[in-house]
């Protein structure tokens, strides 16, 4: 997820997310999914350089929709 953080527009959101990490509501790995930069050029560069991290919990999630009507 890339945030174009012009003039610090998203600073409050990023601080909120960082606080959620500090309190244990969001994993540090999940936090690193969000990259931000003050210019489009910097943001594109960061997104191009982004390397996803392996997270054991996320890897075990099933994202398929389950048909709950058949049972």
C-alpha atoms as a PDB file:
ATOM      1  CA  UNK A   1       0.000   0.000   0.000  1.00  0.00           C
ATOM      2  CA  UNK A   2       1.532   3.304  -1.016  1.00  0.00           C
ATOM      3  CA  UNK A   3       0.602   6.630   0.562  1.00  0.00           C
ATOM      4  CA  UNK A   4       1.587   9.851  -1.173  1.00  0.00           C
ATOM      5  CA  UNK A   5       2.150  11.808   2.025  1.00  0.00           C
ATOM      6  CA  UNK A   6       2.289  15.361   0.649  1.00  0.00           C
ATOM      7  CA  UNK A   7       2.903  17.948   3.384  1.00  0.00           C
ATOM      8  CA  UNK A   8       2.462  15.226   6.015  1.00  0.00           C
ATOM      9  CA  UNK A   9      -1.217  14.693   5.152  1.00  0.00           C
ATOM     10  CA  UNK A  10      -1.135  11.068   6.368  1.00  0.00           C
ATOM     11  CA  UNK A  11       1.100  11.614   9.419  1.00  0.00           C
ATOM     12  CA  UNK A  12      -1.820  11.200  11.843  1.00  0.00           C
ATOM     13  CA  UNK A  13      -2.902   7.954  10.179  1.00  0.00           C
ATOM     14  CA  UNK A  14       0.647   6.609  10.241  1.00  0.00           C
ATOM     15  CA  UNK A  15       1.006   7.579  13.916  1.00  0.00           C
ATOM     16  CA  UNK A  16      -2.263   5.790  14.678  1.00  0.00           C
ATOM     17  CA  UNK A  17      -1.027   2.649  12.921  1.00  0.00           C
ATOM     18  CA  UNK A  18       2.341   2.852  14.701  1.00  0.00           C
ATOM     19  CA  UNK A  19       0.534   3.138  18.055  1.00  0.00           C
ATOM     20  CA  UNK A  20      -1.546   0.061  17.136  1.00  0.00           C
ATOM     21  CA  UNK A  21       1.725  -1.794  16.484  1.00  0.00           C
ATOM     22  CA  UNK A  22       3.123  -0.633  19.832  1.00  0.00           C
ATOM     23  CA  UNK A  23      -0.025  -1.883  21.586  1.00  0.00           C
ATOM     24  CA  UNK A  24       0.089  -5.253  19.790  1.00  0.00           C
ATOM     25  CA  UNK A  25      -3.011  -4.817  17.619  1.00  0.00           C
ATOM     26  CA  UNK A  26      -1.045  -4.840  14.370  1.00  0.00           C
ATOM     27  CA  UNK A  27       2.074  -6.906  13.723  1.00  0.00           C
ATOM     28  CA  UNK A  28       5.256  -5.101  12.681  1.00  0.00           C
ATOM     29  CA  UNK A  29       5.230  -7.197   9.509  1.00  0.00           C
ATOM     30  CA  UNK A  30       1.753  -5.945   8.621  1.00  0.00           C
ATOM     31  CA  UNK A  31       2.833  -2.355   9.346  1.00  0.00           C
ATOM     32  CA  UNK A  32       5.640  -2.624   6.829  1.00  0.00           C
ATOM     33  CA  UNK A  33       3.078  -3.244   4.072  1.00  0.00           C
ATOM     34  CA  UNK A  34       2.386   0.497   4.132  1.00  0.00           C
ATOM     35  CA  UNK A  35       5.023   2.689   2.540  1.00  0.00           C
ATOM     36  CA  UNK A  36       4.810   6.453   2.345  1.00  0.00           C
ATOM     37  CA  UNK A  37       6.783   9.241   0.751  1.00  0.00           C
ATOM     38  CA  UNK A  38       6.340  12.990   0.230  1.00  0.00           C
ATOM     39  CA  UNK A  39       6.799  12.859  -3.554  1.00  0.00           C
ATOM     40  CA  UNK A  40       5.476  10.609  -6.287  1.00  0.00           C
ATOM     41  CA  UNK A  41       8.999   9.825  -7.476  1.00  0.00           C
ATOM     42  CA  UNK A  42      10.094   8.670  -4.024  1.00  0.00           C
ATOM     43  CA  UNK A  43       6.911   6.666  -3.525  1.00  0.00           C
ATOM     44  CA  UNK A  44       7.247   4.855  -6.841  1.00  0.00           C
ATOM     45  CA  UNK A  45      10.887   4.071  -6.017  1.00  0.00           C
ATOM     46  CA  UNK A  46       9.906   2.660  -2.614  1.00  0.00           C
ATOM     47  CA  UNK A  47       7.124   0.574  -4.147  1.00  0.00           C
ATOM     48  CA  UNK A  48       9.507  -0.784  -6.781  1.00  0.00           C
ATOM     49  CA  UNK A  49      12.028  -1.693  -4.063  1.00  0.00           C
ATOM     50  CA  UNK A  50       9.411  -3.234  -1.760  1.00  0.00           C
ATOM     51  CA  UNK A  51      10.060  -6.846  -0.767  1.00  0.00           C
ATOM     52  CA  UNK A  52       7.149  -8.612   0.975  1.00  0.00           C
ATOM     53  CA  UNK A  53       7.923 -10.341   4.245  1.00  0.00           C
ATOM     54  CA  UNK A  54       6.759 -13.802   5.200  1.00  0.00           C
ATOM     55  CA  UNK A  55       4.355 -13.847   8.142  1.00  0.00           C
ATOM     56  CA  UNK A  56       3.409 -17.275   9.546  1.00  0.00           C
ATOM     57  CA  UNK A  57      -0.038 -16.158  10.711  1.00  0.00           C
ATOM     58  CA  UNK A  58      -0.982 -14.431   7.472  1.00  0.00           C
ATOM     59  CA  UNK A  59       0.279 -17.394   5.448  1.00  0.00           C
ATOM     60  CA  UNK A  60      -2.228 -19.649   7.228  1.00  0.00           C
ATOM     61  CA  UNK A  61      -5.266 -17.486   6.444  1.00  0.00           C
ATOM     62  CA  UNK A  62      -7.745 -18.837   3.923  1.00  0.00           C
ATOM     63  CA  UNK A  63      -9.006 -16.095   1.633  1.00  0.00           C
ATOM     64  CA  UNK A  64     -11.444 -18.240  -0.328  1.00  0.00           C
ATOM     65  CA  UNK A  65     -15.127 -17.571   0.067  1.00  0.00           C
ATOM     66  CA  UNK A  66     -16.852 -20.510   1.715  1.00  0.00           C
ATOM     67  CA  UNK A  67     -20.381 -21.431   0.679  1.00  0.00           C
ATOM     68  CA  UNK A  68     -22.182 -21.531   4.010  1.00  0.00           C
ATOM     69  CA  UNK A  69     -25.513 -22.609   2.586  1.00  0.00           C
ATOM     70  CA  UNK A  70     -24.358 -26.095   1.681  1.00  0.00           C
ATOM     71  CA  UNK A  71     -24.149 -28.353   4.663  1.00  0.00           C
END
